[in-house]
Full PDB file with SEQRES, HELIX, SHEET, SSBOND, CRYST1, ORIGX, SCALE, CONECT and MASTER records, all heavy atoms in Angstrom:
SEQRES   1 A   41  PHE LYS LYS ALA LEU ALA GLY ASP GLN HIS TYR GLN ASP          
SEQRES   2 A   41  PHE PHE ILE LEU ARG GLU GLU PRO THR ASP TRP VAL SER          
SEQRES   3 A   41  LYS PHE GLY GLY SER ALA TRP SER PRO PHE GLY ASP THR          
SEQRES   4 A   41  GLY LYS                                                      
HELIX    1 AA1 LYS A    2  LEU A    5  1                                   4    
HELIX    2 AA2 GLN A    9  GLN A   12  1                                   4    
CRYST1    1.000    1.000    1.000  90.00  90.00  90.00 P 1           1          
ORIGX1      1.000000  0.000000  0.000000        0.00000                         
ORIGX2      0.000000  1.000000  0.000000        0.00000                         
ORIGX3      0.000000  0.000000  1.000000        0.00000                         
SCALE1      1.000000  0.000000  0.000000        0.00000                         
SCALE2      0.000000  1.000000  0.000000        0.00000                         
SCALE3      0.000000  0.000000  1.000000        0.00000                         
ATOM      1  N   PHE A   1      15.325 -40.687   3.924  1.00  0.00           N  
ATOM      2  CA  PHE A   1      14.923 -40.167   2.557  1.00  0.00           C  
ATOM      3  C   PHE A   1      14.805 -41.281   1.584  1.00  0.00           C  
ATOM      4  O   PHE A   1      13.934 -41.311   0.702  1.00  0.00           O  
ATOM      5  CB  PHE A   1      15.975 -39.030   2.212  1.00  0.00           C  
ATOM      6  CG  PHE A   1      15.416 -38.311   0.952  1.00  0.00           C  
ATOM      7  CD1 PHE A   1      14.667 -37.139   1.112  1.00  0.00           C  
ATOM      8  CD2 PHE A   1      15.899 -38.640  -0.298  1.00  0.00           C  
ATOM      9  CE1 PHE A   1      14.209 -36.465   0.009  1.00  0.00           C  
ATOM     10  CE2 PHE A   1      15.543 -37.948  -1.372  1.00  0.00           C  
ATOM     11  CZ  PHE A   1      14.671 -36.870  -1.190  1.00  0.00           C  
ATOM     12  N   LYS A   2      15.794 -42.168   1.652  1.00  0.00           N  
ATOM     13  CA  LYS A   2      15.842 -43.190   0.689  1.00  0.00           C  
ATOM     14  C   LYS A   2      14.588 -44.145   0.805  1.00  0.00           C  
ATOM     15  O   LYS A   2      14.040 -44.621  -0.105  1.00  0.00           O  
ATOM     16  CB  LYS A   2      17.178 -44.073   0.879  1.00  0.00           C  
ATOM     17  CG  LYS A   2      18.363 -43.244   0.311  1.00  0.00           C  
ATOM     18  CD  LYS A   2      19.569 -44.030   0.562  1.00  0.00           C  
ATOM     19  CE  LYS A   2      20.825 -43.277  -0.045  1.00  0.00           C  
ATOM     20  NZ  LYS A   2      22.024 -43.982   0.007  1.00  0.00           N  
ATOM     21  N   LYS A   3      14.202 -44.487   2.104  1.00  0.00           N  
ATOM     22  CA  LYS A   3      12.995 -45.225   2.333  1.00  0.00           C  
ATOM     23  C   LYS A   3      11.707 -44.531   1.844  1.00  0.00           C  
ATOM     24  O   LYS A   3      10.876 -45.131   1.223  1.00  0.00           O  
ATOM     25  CB  LYS A   3      12.891 -45.672   3.787  1.00  0.00           C  
ATOM     26  CG  LYS A   3      13.845 -46.624   4.240  1.00  0.00           C  
ATOM     27  CD  LYS A   3      13.636 -46.970   5.769  1.00  0.00           C  
ATOM     28  CE  LYS A   3      14.495 -48.154   6.078  1.00  0.00           C  
ATOM     29  NZ  LYS A   3      14.337 -48.631   7.457  1.00  0.00           N  
ATOM     30  N   ALA A   4      11.739 -43.205   1.980  1.00  0.00           N  
ATOM     31  CA  ALA A   4      10.580 -42.480   1.498  1.00  0.00           C  
ATOM     32  C   ALA A   4      10.527 -42.490  -0.062  1.00  0.00           C  
ATOM     33  O   ALA A   4       9.418 -42.667  -0.694  1.00  0.00           O  
ATOM     34  CB  ALA A   4      10.649 -40.936   1.952  1.00  0.00           C  
ATOM     35  N   LEU A   5      11.620 -42.358  -0.704  1.00  0.00           N  
ATOM     36  CA  LEU A   5      11.761 -42.306  -2.035  1.00  0.00           C  
ATOM     37  C   LEU A   5      11.354 -43.742  -2.661  1.00  0.00           C  
ATOM     38  O   LEU A   5      10.848 -43.712  -3.743  1.00  0.00           O  
ATOM     39  CB  LEU A   5      13.155 -41.961  -2.513  1.00  0.00           C  
ATOM     40  CG  LEU A   5      13.504 -41.637  -3.932  1.00  0.00           C  
ATOM     41  CD1 LEU A   5      12.482 -40.490  -4.382  1.00  0.00           C  
ATOM     42  CD2 LEU A   5      14.833 -41.177  -4.155  1.00  0.00           C  
ATOM     43  N   ALA A   6      11.671 -44.768  -1.868  1.00  0.00           N  
ATOM     44  CA  ALA A   6      11.293 -46.088  -2.268  1.00  0.00           C  
ATOM     45  C   ALA A   6       9.817 -46.375  -2.151  1.00  0.00           C  
ATOM     46  O   ALA A   6       9.368 -47.524  -2.521  1.00  0.00           O  
ATOM     47  CB  ALA A   6      12.187 -47.106  -1.451  1.00  0.00           C  
ATOM     48  N   GLY A   7       9.091 -45.480  -1.607  1.00  0.00           N  
ATOM     49  CA  GLY A   7       7.653 -45.679  -1.483  1.00  0.00           C  
ATOM     50  C   GLY A   7       7.044 -45.924  -0.080  1.00  0.00           C  
ATOM     51  O   GLY A   7       5.934 -46.014   0.013  1.00  0.00           O  
ATOM     52  N   ASP A   8       7.909 -45.884   0.952  1.00  0.00           N  
ATOM     53  CA  ASP A   8       7.481 -46.140   2.295  1.00  0.00           C  
ATOM     54  C   ASP A   8       6.704 -44.911   2.825  1.00  0.00           C  
ATOM     55  O   ASP A   8       7.299 -43.934   3.099  1.00  0.00           O  
ATOM     56  CB  ASP A   8       8.620 -46.531   3.148  1.00  0.00           C  
ATOM     57  CG  ASP A   8       8.269 -47.011   4.580  1.00  0.00           C  
ATOM     58  OD1 ASP A   8       7.273 -46.470   5.128  1.00  0.00           O  
ATOM     59  OD2 ASP A   8       8.983 -47.922   5.088  1.00  0.00           O  
ATOM     60  N   GLN A   9       5.390 -45.134   2.929  1.00  0.00           N  
ATOM     61  CA  GLN A   9       4.515 -43.945   3.368  1.00  0.00           C  
ATOM     62  C   GLN A   9       4.921 -43.463   4.709  1.00  0.00           C  
ATOM     63  O   GLN A   9       4.762 -42.237   4.976  1.00  0.00           O  
ATOM     64  CB  GLN A   9       3.063 -44.437   3.337  1.00  0.00           C  
ATOM     65  CG  GLN A   9       2.122 -43.273   3.632  1.00  0.00           C  
ATOM     66  CD  GLN A   9       2.142 -42.219   2.627  1.00  0.00           C  
ATOM     67  OE1 GLN A   9       2.105 -42.440   1.447  1.00  0.00           O  
ATOM     68  NE2 GLN A   9       2.301 -40.913   2.994  1.00  0.00           N  
ATOM     69  N   HIS A  10       5.276 -44.359   5.634  1.00  0.00           N  
ATOM     70  CA  HIS A  10       5.675 -43.887   6.983  1.00  0.00           C  
ATOM     71  C   HIS A  10       6.824 -42.820   6.847  1.00  0.00           C  
ATOM     72  O   HIS A  10       6.716 -41.894   7.494  1.00  0.00           O  
ATOM     73  CB  HIS A  10       6.159 -45.131   7.805  1.00  0.00           C  
ATOM     74  CG  HIS A  10       6.758 -44.762   9.136  1.00  0.00           C  
ATOM     75  ND1 HIS A  10       5.973 -44.426  10.199  1.00  0.00           N  
ATOM     76  CD2 HIS A  10       8.035 -44.673   9.570  1.00  0.00           C  
ATOM     77  CE1 HIS A  10       6.726 -44.129  11.250  1.00  0.00           C  
ATOM     78  NE2 HIS A  10       8.007 -44.263  10.868  1.00  0.00           N  
ATOM     79  N   TYR A  11       7.766 -43.034   6.024  1.00  0.00           N  
ATOM     80  CA  TYR A  11       8.846 -42.143   5.889  1.00  0.00           C  
ATOM     81  C   TYR A  11       8.581 -40.944   4.970  1.00  0.00           C  
ATOM     82  O   TYR A  11       9.046 -39.924   5.156  1.00  0.00           O  
ATOM     83  CB  TYR A  11      10.191 -42.845   5.432  1.00  0.00           C  
ATOM     84  CG  TYR A  11      10.749 -43.788   6.500  1.00  0.00           C  
ATOM     85  CD1 TYR A  11      10.468 -45.153   6.523  1.00  0.00           C  
ATOM     86  CD2 TYR A  11      11.442 -43.240   7.473  1.00  0.00           C  
ATOM     87  CE1 TYR A  11      10.845 -45.995   7.479  1.00  0.00           C  
ATOM     88  CE2 TYR A  11      12.017 -44.044   8.487  1.00  0.00           C  
ATOM     89  CZ  TYR A  11      11.672 -45.411   8.457  1.00  0.00           C  
ATOM     90  OH  TYR A  11      12.158 -46.250   9.532  1.00  0.00           O  
ATOM     91  N   GLN A  12       7.671 -41.220   4.099  1.00  0.00           N  
ATOM     92  CA  GLN A  12       7.223 -40.032   3.270  1.00  0.00           C  
ATOM     93  C   GLN A  12       6.510 -38.951   4.082  1.00  0.00           C  
ATOM     94  O   GLN A  12       6.550 -37.760   3.728  1.00  0.00           O  
ATOM     95  CB  GLN A  12       6.261 -40.435   2.179  1.00  0.00           C  
ATOM     96  CG  GLN A  12       7.031 -41.265   1.006  1.00  0.00           C  
ATOM     97  CD  GLN A  12       6.082 -41.556  -0.142  1.00  0.00           C  
ATOM     98  OE1 GLN A  12       4.912 -41.254  -0.118  1.00  0.00           O  
ATOM     99  NE2 GLN A  12       6.582 -42.258  -1.101  1.00  0.00           N  
ATOM    100  N   ASP A  13       5.902 -39.417   5.231  1.00  0.00           N  
ATOM    101  CA  ASP A  13       5.266 -38.458   6.099  1.00  0.00           C  
ATOM    102  C   ASP A  13       6.319 -37.567   6.825  1.00  0.00           C  
ATOM    103  O   ASP A  13       5.901 -36.557   7.372  1.00  0.00           O  
ATOM    104  CB  ASP A  13       4.406 -39.240   7.100  1.00  0.00           C  
ATOM    105  CG  ASP A  13       3.159 -39.782   6.589  1.00  0.00           C  
ATOM    106  OD1 ASP A  13       2.738 -39.326   5.369  1.00  0.00           O  
ATOM    107  OD2 ASP A  13       2.455 -40.606   7.101  1.00  0.00           O  
ATOM    108  N   PHE A  14       7.625 -37.891   6.707  1.00  0.00           N  
ATOM    109  CA  PHE A  14       8.600 -37.085   7.391  1.00  0.00           C  
ATOM    110  C   PHE A  14       8.953 -35.873   6.563  1.00  0.00           C  
ATOM    111  O   PHE A  14       9.683 -34.992   7.020  1.00  0.00           O  
ATOM    112  CB  PHE A  14       9.902 -37.915   7.643  1.00  0.00           C  
ATOM    113  CG  PHE A  14       9.798 -39.043   8.636  1.00  0.00           C  
ATOM    114  CD1 PHE A  14       8.543 -39.254   9.353  1.00  0.00           C  
ATOM    115  CD2 PHE A  14      10.926 -39.838   8.825  1.00  0.00           C  
ATOM    116  CE1 PHE A  14       8.558 -40.347  10.156  1.00  0.00           C  
ATOM    117  CE2 PHE A  14      10.814 -40.787   9.720  1.00  0.00           C  
ATOM    118  CZ  PHE A  14       9.604 -41.053  10.425  1.00  0.00           C  
ATOM    119  N   PHE A  15       8.449 -35.795   5.315  1.00  0.00           N  
ATOM    120  CA  PHE A  15       8.892 -34.784   4.352  1.00  0.00           C  
ATOM    121  C   PHE A  15       7.696 -34.061   3.793  1.00  0.00           C  
ATOM    122  O   PHE A  15       6.564 -34.545   3.987  1.00  0.00           O  
ATOM    123  CB  PHE A  15       9.713 -35.399   3.171  1.00  0.00           C  
ATOM    124  CG  PHE A  15      10.925 -36.169   3.702  1.00  0.00           C  
ATOM    125  CD1 PHE A  15      10.852 -37.522   3.936  1.00  0.00           C  
ATOM    126  CD2 PHE A  15      12.127 -35.541   3.892  1.00  0.00           C  
ATOM    127  CE1 PHE A  15      11.901 -38.270   4.364  1.00  0.00           C  
ATOM    128  CE2 PHE A  15      13.260 -36.190   4.356  1.00  0.00           C  
ATOM    129  CZ  PHE A  15      13.143 -37.560   4.625  1.00  0.00           C  
ATOM    130  N   ILE A  16       7.878 -32.891   3.316  1.00  0.00           N  
ATOM    131  CA  ILE A  16       6.835 -32.108   2.611  1.00  0.00           C  
ATOM    132  C   ILE A  16       6.862 -32.419   1.197  1.00  0.00           C  
ATOM    133  O   ILE A  16       7.829 -32.081   0.510  1.00  0.00           O  
ATOM    134  CB  ILE A  16       6.960 -30.585   2.921  1.00  0.00           C  
ATOM    135  CG1 ILE A  16       6.866 -30.373   4.438  1.00  0.00           C  
ATOM    136  CG2 ILE A  16       5.861 -29.902   2.195  1.00  0.00           C  
ATOM    137  CD1 ILE A  16       7.019 -28.914   4.869  1.00  0.00           C  
ATOM    138  N   LEU A  17       5.899 -33.170   0.766  1.00  0.00           N  
ATOM    139  CA  LEU A  17       5.874 -33.611  -0.677  1.00  0.00           C  
ATOM    140  C   LEU A  17       4.658 -32.962  -1.248  1.00  0.00           C  
ATOM    141  O   LEU A  17       3.552 -32.969  -0.668  1.00  0.00           O  
ATOM    142  CB  LEU A  17       5.861 -35.094  -0.819  1.00  0.00           C  
ATOM    143  CG  LEU A  17       6.951 -35.904  -0.057  1.00  0.00           C  
ATOM    144  CD1 LEU A  17       6.629 -37.407  -0.205  1.00  0.00           C  
ATOM    145  CD2 LEU A  17       8.220 -35.499  -0.751  1.00  0.00           C  
ATOM    146  N   ARG A  18       4.753 -32.538  -2.537  1.00  0.00           N  
ATOM    147  CA  ARG A  18       3.651 -31.993  -3.370  1.00  0.00           C  
ATOM    148  C   ARG A  18       3.680 -32.464  -4.714  1.00  0.00           C  
ATOM    149  O   ARG A  18       4.765 -32.661  -5.304  1.00  0.00           O  
ATOM    150  CB  ARG A  18       3.718 -30.401  -3.283  1.00  0.00           C  
ATOM    151  CG  ARG A  18       3.581 -29.806  -1.928  1.00  0.00           C  
ATOM    152  CD  ARG A  18       2.138 -29.862  -1.386  1.00  0.00           C  
ATOM    153  NE  ARG A  18       1.992 -29.161  -0.128  1.00  0.00           N  
ATOM    154  CZ  ARG A  18       2.123 -29.715   1.046  1.00  0.00           C  
ATOM    155  NH1 ARG A  18       2.448 -31.011   1.131  1.00  0.00           N  
ATOM    156  NH2 ARG A  18       1.988 -29.071   2.219  1.00  0.00           N  
ATOM    157  N   GLU A  19       2.518 -32.485  -5.332  1.00  0.00           N  
ATOM    158  CA  GLU A  19       2.476 -32.825  -6.774  1.00  0.00           C  
ATOM    159  C   GLU A  19       2.731 -31.670  -7.631  1.00  0.00           C  
ATOM    160  O   GLU A  19       3.171 -31.704  -8.725  1.00  0.00           O  
ATOM    161  CB  GLU A  19       1.099 -33.565  -7.106  1.00  0.00           C  
ATOM    162  CG  GLU A  19       1.065 -34.896  -6.464  1.00  0.00           C  
ATOM    163  CD  GLU A  19      -0.107 -35.746  -6.925  1.00  0.00           C  
ATOM    164  OE1 GLU A  19      -0.741 -35.372  -7.973  1.00  0.00           O  
ATOM    165  OE2 GLU A  19      -0.460 -36.753  -6.251  1.00  0.00           O  
ATOM    166  N   GLU A  20       2.335 -30.475  -7.145  1.00  0.00           N  
ATOM    167  CA  GLU A  20       2.492 -29.215  -7.711  1.00  0.00           C  
ATOM    168  C   GLU A  20       3.382 -28.323  -6.745  1.00  0.00           C  
ATOM    169  O   GLU A  20       2.880 -27.968  -5.733  1.00  0.00           O  
ATOM    170  CB  GLU A  20       1.227 -28.486  -8.074  1.00  0.00           C  
ATOM    171  CG  GLU A  20       0.328 -29.210  -9.066  1.00  0.00           C  
ATOM    172  CD  GLU A  20       0.923 -29.153 -10.503  1.00  0.00           C  
ATOM    173  OE1 GLU A  20       1.665 -28.096 -10.804  1.00  0.00           O  
ATOM    174  OE2 GLU A  20       0.726 -30.061 -11.256  1.00  0.00           O  
ATOM    175  N   PRO A  21       4.529 -27.945  -7.189  1.00  0.00           N  
ATOM    176  CA  PRO A  21       5.394 -27.145  -6.416  1.00  0.00           C  
ATOM    177  C   PRO A  21       4.809 -25.654  -6.292  1.00  0.00           C  
ATOM    178  O   PRO A  21       4.140 -25.215  -7.148  1.00  0.00           O  
ATOM    179  CB  PRO A  21       6.767 -27.140  -6.996  1.00  0.00           C  
ATOM    180  CG  PRO A  21       6.488 -27.548  -8.449  1.00  0.00           C  
ATOM    181  CD  PRO A  21       5.299 -28.373  -8.506  1.00  0.00           C  
ATOM    182  N   THR A  22       5.096 -25.044  -5.267  1.00  0.00           N  
ATOM    183  CA  THR A  22       4.731 -23.596  -5.058  1.00  0.00           C  
ATOM    184  C   THR A  22       5.832 -22.707  -5.776  1.00  0.00           C  
ATOM    185  O   THR A  22       6.845 -23.240  -6.204  1.00  0.00           O  
ATOM    186  CB  THR A  22       4.657 -23.206  -3.689  1.00  0.00           C  
ATOM    187  OG1 THR A  22       5.917 -23.230  -3.002  1.00  0.00           O  
ATOM    188  CG2 THR A  22       3.519 -24.100  -2.946  1.00  0.00           C  
ATOM    189  N   ASP A  23       5.679 -21.387  -5.615  1.00  0.00           N  
ATOM    190  CA  ASP A  23       6.776 -20.510  -6.120  1.00  0.00           C  
ATOM    191  C   ASP A  23       7.804 -20.176  -5.056  1.00  0.00           C  
ATOM    192  O   ASP A  23       8.492 -19.138  -5.252  1.00  0.00           O  
ATOM    193  CB  ASP A  23       6.049 -19.323  -6.753  1.00  0.00           C  
ATOM    194  CG  ASP A  23       5.336 -18.527  -5.642  1.00  0.00           C  
ATOM    195  OD1 ASP A  23       5.190 -18.915  -4.609  1.00  0.00           O  
ATOM    196  OD2 ASP A  23       4.801 -17.353  -5.997  1.00  0.00           O  
ATOM    197  N   TRP A  24       7.920 -20.980  -4.085  1.00  0.00           N  
ATOM    198  CA  TRP A  24       8.842 -20.634  -2.892  1.00  0.00           C  
ATOM    199  C   TRP A  24      10.236 -20.696  -3.472  1.00  0.00           C  
ATOM    200  O   TRP A  24      10.530 -21.572  -4.305  1.00  0.00           O  
ATOM    201  CB  TRP A  24       8.656 -21.589  -1.777  1.00  0.00           C  
ATOM    202  CG  TRP A  24       7.349 -21.477  -1.012  1.00  0.00           C  
ATOM    203  CD1 TRP A  24       6.307 -20.599  -1.244  1.00  0.00           C  
ATOM    204  CD2 TRP A  24       6.957 -22.234   0.085  1.00  0.00           C  
ATOM    205  NE1 TRP A  24       5.263 -20.746  -0.394  1.00  0.00           N  
ATOM    206  CE2 TRP A  24       5.666 -21.806   0.410  1.00  0.00           C  
ATOM    207  CE3 TRP A  24       7.470 -23.317   0.819  1.00  0.00           C  
ATOM    208  CZ2 TRP A  24       5.044 -22.327   1.576  1.00  0.00           C  
ATOM    209  CZ3 TRP A  24       6.865 -23.745   1.828  1.00  0.00           C  
ATOM    210  CH2 TRP A  24       5.555 -23.301   2.203  1.00  0.00           C  
ATOM    211  N   VAL A  25      11.108 -19.867  -2.958  1.00  0.00           N  
ATOM    212  CA  VAL A  25      12.493 -19.801  -3.301  1.00  0.00           C  
ATOM    213  C   VAL A  25      13.404 -20.272  -2.211  1.00  0.00           C  
ATOM    214  O   VAL A  25      13.143 -19.938  -1.019  1.00  0.00           O  
ATOM    215  CB  VAL A  25      12.876 -18.332  -3.717  1.00  0.00           C  
ATOM    216  CG1 VAL A  25      14.312 -18.178  -4.023  1.00  0.00           C  
ATOM    217  CG2 VAL A  25      11.945 -17.863  -4.885  1.00  0.00           C  
ATOM    218  N   SER A  26      14.369 -21.115  -2.458  1.00  0.00           N  
ATOM    219  CA  SER A  26      15.327 -21.635  -1.563  1.00  0.00           C  
ATOM    220  C   SER A  26      16.128 -20.385  -1.027  1.00  0.00           C  
ATOM    221  O   SER A  26      16.375 -19.445  -1.694  1.00  0.00           O  
ATOM    222  CB  SER A  26      16.298 -22.533  -2.311  1.00  0.00           C  
ATOM    223  OG  SER A  26      17.412 -22.789  -1.486  1.00  0.00           O  
ATOM    224  N   LYS A  27      16.624 -20.512   0.170  1.00  0.00           N  
ATOM    225  CA  LYS A  27      17.531 -19.543   0.771  1.00  0.00           C  
ATOM    226  C   LYS A  27      18.823 -19.377  -0.051  1.00  0.00           C  
ATOM    227  O   LYS A  27      19.466 -18.356   0.029  1.00  0.00           O  
ATOM    228  CB  LYS A  27      17.887 -19.863   2.294  1.00  0.00           C  
ATOM    229  CG  LYS A  27      16.649 -19.925   3.089  1.00  0.00           C  
ATOM    230  CD  LYS A  27      15.982 -18.609   3.370  1.00  0.00           C  
ATOM    231  CE  LYS A  27      14.886 -18.695   4.358  1.00  0.00           C  
ATOM    232  NZ  LYS A  27      14.041 -17.531   4.427  1.00  0.00           N  
ATOM    233  N   PHE A  28      19.173 -20.443  -0.854  1.00  0.00           N  
ATOM    234  CA  PHE A  28      20.336 -20.398  -1.621  1.00  0.00           C  
ATOM    235  C   PHE A  28      20.031 -20.020  -3.045  1.00  0.00           C  
ATOM    236  O   PHE A  28      20.897 -20.067  -3.944  1.00  0.00           O  
ATOM    237  CB  PHE A  28      21.040 -21.725  -1.526  1.00  0.00           C  
ATOM    238  CG  PHE A  28      21.591 -22.103  -0.224  1.00  0.00           C  
ATOM    239  CD1 PHE A  28      21.810 -23.404   0.195  1.00  0.00           C  
ATOM    240  CD2 PHE A  28      21.866 -21.136   0.741  1.00  0.00           C  
ATOM    241  CE1 PHE A  28      22.369 -23.832   1.433  1.00  0.00           C  
ATOM    242  CE2 PHE A  28      22.372 -21.533   2.002  1.00  0.00           C  
ATOM    243  CZ  PHE A  28      22.588 -22.779   2.307  1.00  0.00           C  
ATOM    244  N   GLY A  29      18.849 -19.659  -3.362  1.00  0.00           N  
ATOM    245  CA  GLY A  29      18.411 -19.228  -4.678  1.00  0.00           C  
ATOM    246  C   GLY A  29      17.774 -20.392  -5.498  1.00  0.00           C  
ATOM    247  O   GLY A  29      17.964 -21.560  -5.169  1.00  0.00           O  
ATOM    248  N   GLY A  30      16.936 -20.059  -6.377  1.00  0.00           N  
ATOM    249  CA  GLY A  30      16.284 -21.021  -7.188  1.00  0.00           C  
ATOM    250  C   GLY A  30      15.031 -21.572  -6.443  1.00  0.00           C  
ATOM    251  O   GLY A  30      14.680 -21.317  -5.333  1.00  0.00           O  
ATOM    252  N   SER A  31      14.380 -22.596  -7.043  1.00  0.00           N  
ATOM    253  CA  SER A  31      13.207 -23.175  -6.415  1.00  0.00           C  
ATOM    254  C   SER A  31      13.553 -23.898  -5.156  1.00  0.00           C  
ATOM    255  O   SER A  31      14.532 -24.423  -5.057  1.00  0.00           O  
ATOM    256  CB  SER A  31      12.608 -24.102  -7.464  1.00  0.00           C  
ATOM    257  OG  SER A  31      11.419 -24.802  -6.880  1.00  0.00           O  
ATOM    258  N   ALA A  32      12.590 -23.898  -4.238  1.00  0.00           N  
ATOM    259  CA  ALA A  32      12.668 -24.585  -3.005  1.00  0.00           C  
ATOM    260  C   ALA A  32      12.095 -25.932  -3.146  1.00  0.00           C  
ATOM    261  O   ALA A  32      12.081 -26.780  -2.152  1.00  0.00           O  
ATOM    262  CB  ALA A  32      11.982 -23.831  -1.857  1.00  0.00           C  
ATOM    263  N   TRP A  33      11.783 -26.396  -4.377  1.00  0.00           N  
ATOM    264  CA  TRP A  33      11.299 -27.712  -4.655  1.00  0.00           C  
ATOM    265  C   TRP A  33      12.079 -28.447  -5.643  1.00  0.00           C  
ATOM    266  O   TRP A  33      12.613 -27.799  -6.572  1.00  0.00           O  
ATOM    267  CB  TRP A  33       9.860 -27.530  -5.227  1.00  0.00           C  
ATOM    268  CG  TRP A  33       8.944 -26.918  -4.224  1.00  0.00           C  
ATOM    269  CD1 TRP A  33       8.612 -25.533  -4.133  1.00  0.00           C  
ATOM    270  CD2 TRP A  33       8.118 -27.556  -3.345  1.00  0.00           C  
ATOM    271  NE1 TRP A  33       7.727 -25.397  -3.170  1.00  0.00           N  
ATOM    272  CE2 TRP A  33       7.355 -26.553  -2.590  1.00  0.00           C  
ATOM    273  CE3 TRP A  33       8.018 -28.903  -2.897  1.00  0.00           C  
ATOM    274  CZ2 TRP A  33       6.463 -26.922  -1.606  1.00  0.00           C  
ATOM    275  CZ3 TRP A  33       7.101 -29.191  -1.806  1.00  0.00           C  
ATOM    276  CH2 TRP A  33       6.413 -28.236  -1.204  1.00  0.00           C  
ATOM    277  N   SER A  34      12.322 -29.700  -5.435  1.00  0.00           N  
ATOM    278  CA  SER A  34      13.034 -30.560  -6.459  1.00  0.00           C  
ATOM    279  C   SER A  34      12.233 -31.793  -6.610  1.00  0.00           C  
ATOM    280  O   SER A  34      11.457 -32.242  -5.754  1.00  0.00           O  
ATOM    281  CB  SER A  34      14.429 -31.021  -5.854  1.00  0.00           C  
ATOM    282  OG  SER A  34      15.329 -29.869  -5.835  1.00  0.00           O  
ATOM    283  N   PRO A  35      12.377 -32.451  -7.816  1.00  0.00           N  
ATOM    284  CA  PRO A  35      11.711 -33.656  -8.190  1.00  0.00           C  
ATOM    285  C   PRO A  35      11.981 -34.792  -7.131  1.00  0.00           C  
ATOM    286  O   PRO A  35      13.173 -34.940  -6.683  1.00  0.00           O  
ATOM    287  CB  PRO A  35      12.115 -34.027  -9.491  1.00  0.00           C  
ATOM    288  CG  PRO A  35      12.611 -32.763 -10.085  1.00  0.00           C  
ATOM    289  CD  PRO A  35      13.201 -31.929  -8.939  1.00  0.00           C  
ATOM    290  N   PHE A  36      10.936 -35.504  -6.609  1.00  0.00           N  
ATOM    291  CA  PHE A  36      11.144 -36.549  -5.664  1.00  0.00           C  
ATOM    292  C   PHE A  36      11.319 -37.823  -6.540  1.00  0.00           C  
ATOM    293  O   PHE A  36      10.267 -38.617  -6.719  1.00  0.00           O  
ATOM    294  CB  PHE A  36       9.885 -36.550  -4.797  1.00  0.00           C  
ATOM    295  CG  PHE A  36      10.048 -37.484  -3.585  1.00  0.00           C  
ATOM    296  CD1 PHE A  36      11.080 -37.264  -2.631  1.00  0.00           C  
ATOM    297  CD2 PHE A  36       9.129 -38.538  -3.367  1.00  0.00           C  
ATOM    298  CE1 PHE A  36      11.268 -38.152  -1.577  1.00  0.00           C  
ATOM    299  CE2 PHE A  36       9.269 -39.351  -2.296  1.00  0.00           C  
ATOM    300  CZ  PHE A  36      10.306 -39.192  -1.420  1.00  0.00           C  
ATOM    301  N   GLY A  37      12.476 -38.037  -7.068  1.00  0.00           N  
ATOM    302  CA  GLY A  37      12.689 -39.286  -7.859  1.00  0.00           C  
ATOM    303  C   GLY A  37      11.801 -39.272  -9.126  1.00  0.00           C  
ATOM    304  O   GLY A  37      11.617 -38.111  -9.671  1.00  0.00           O  
ATOM    305  N   ASP A  38      11.248 -40.408  -9.464  1.00  0.00           N  
ATOM    306  CA  ASP A  38      10.379 -40.532 -10.544  1.00  0.00           C  
ATOM    307  C   ASP A  38       8.894 -40.674 -10.037  1.00  0.00           C  
ATOM    308  O   ASP A  38       8.052 -41.224 -10.801  1.00  0.00           O  
ATOM    309  CB  ASP A  38      10.691 -41.777 -11.372  1.00  0.00           C  
ATOM    310  CG  ASP A  38      12.164 -41.653 -11.958  1.00  0.00           C  
ATOM    311  OD1 ASP A  38      12.487 -40.586 -12.353  1.00  0.00           O  
ATOM    312  OD2 ASP A  38      12.795 -42.677 -12.081  1.00  0.00           O  
ATOM    313  N   THR A  39       8.548 -40.099  -8.977  1.00  0.00           N  
ATOM    314  CA  THR A  39       7.246 -40.233  -8.324  1.00  0.00           C  
ATOM    315  C   THR A  39       6.208 -39.254  -8.906  1.00  0.00           C  
ATOM    316  O   THR A  39       5.006 -39.370  -8.712  1.00  0.00           O  
ATOM    317  CB  THR A  39       7.254 -40.103  -6.872  1.00  0.00           C  
ATOM    318  OG1 THR A  39       7.665 -38.709  -6.591  1.00  0.00           O  
ATOM    319  CG2 THR A  39       8.279 -41.073  -6.185  1.00  0.00           C  
ATOM    320  N   GLY A  40       6.704 -38.263  -9.611  1.00  0.00           N  
ATOM    321  CA  GLY A  40       5.789 -37.155 -10.081  1.00  0.00           C  
ATOM    322  C   GLY A  40       5.606 -36.167  -9.007  1.00  0.00           C  
ATOM    323  O   GLY A  40       4.768 -35.231  -9.232  1.00  0.00           O  
ATOM    324  N   LYS A  41       6.208 -36.343  -7.878  1.00  0.00           N  
ATOM    325  CA  LYS A  41       6.046 -35.358  -6.773  1.00  0.00           C  
ATOM    326  C   LYS A  41       7.358 -34.615  -6.582  1.00  0.00           C  
ATOM    327  O   LYS A  41       8.365 -34.878  -7.182  1.00  0.00           O  
ATOM    328  CB  LYS A  41       5.774 -36.084  -5.473  1.00  0.00           C  
ATOM    329  CG  LYS A  41       4.444 -36.792  -5.452  1.00  0.00           C  
ATOM    330  CD  LYS A  41       4.231 -37.555  -4.122  1.00  0.00           C  
ATOM    331  CE  LYS A  41       2.869 -38.222  -4.124  1.00  0.00           C  
ATOM    332  NZ  LYS A  41       2.637 -38.885  -2.814  1.00  0.00           N  
TER     333      LYS A  41                                                      
MASTER        0    0    0    2    0    0    0    6  332    1    0    4          
END                                                                             
């Protein structure tokens, strides 16, 4: 995760990243999306 956050595309491919979050809800409540650092994703 830290490598992905640092900009390593190889590791970013391990995660589902979006510029616009959907309305999906986490099983624990609230949005299922969180900001990916300062990337705008």
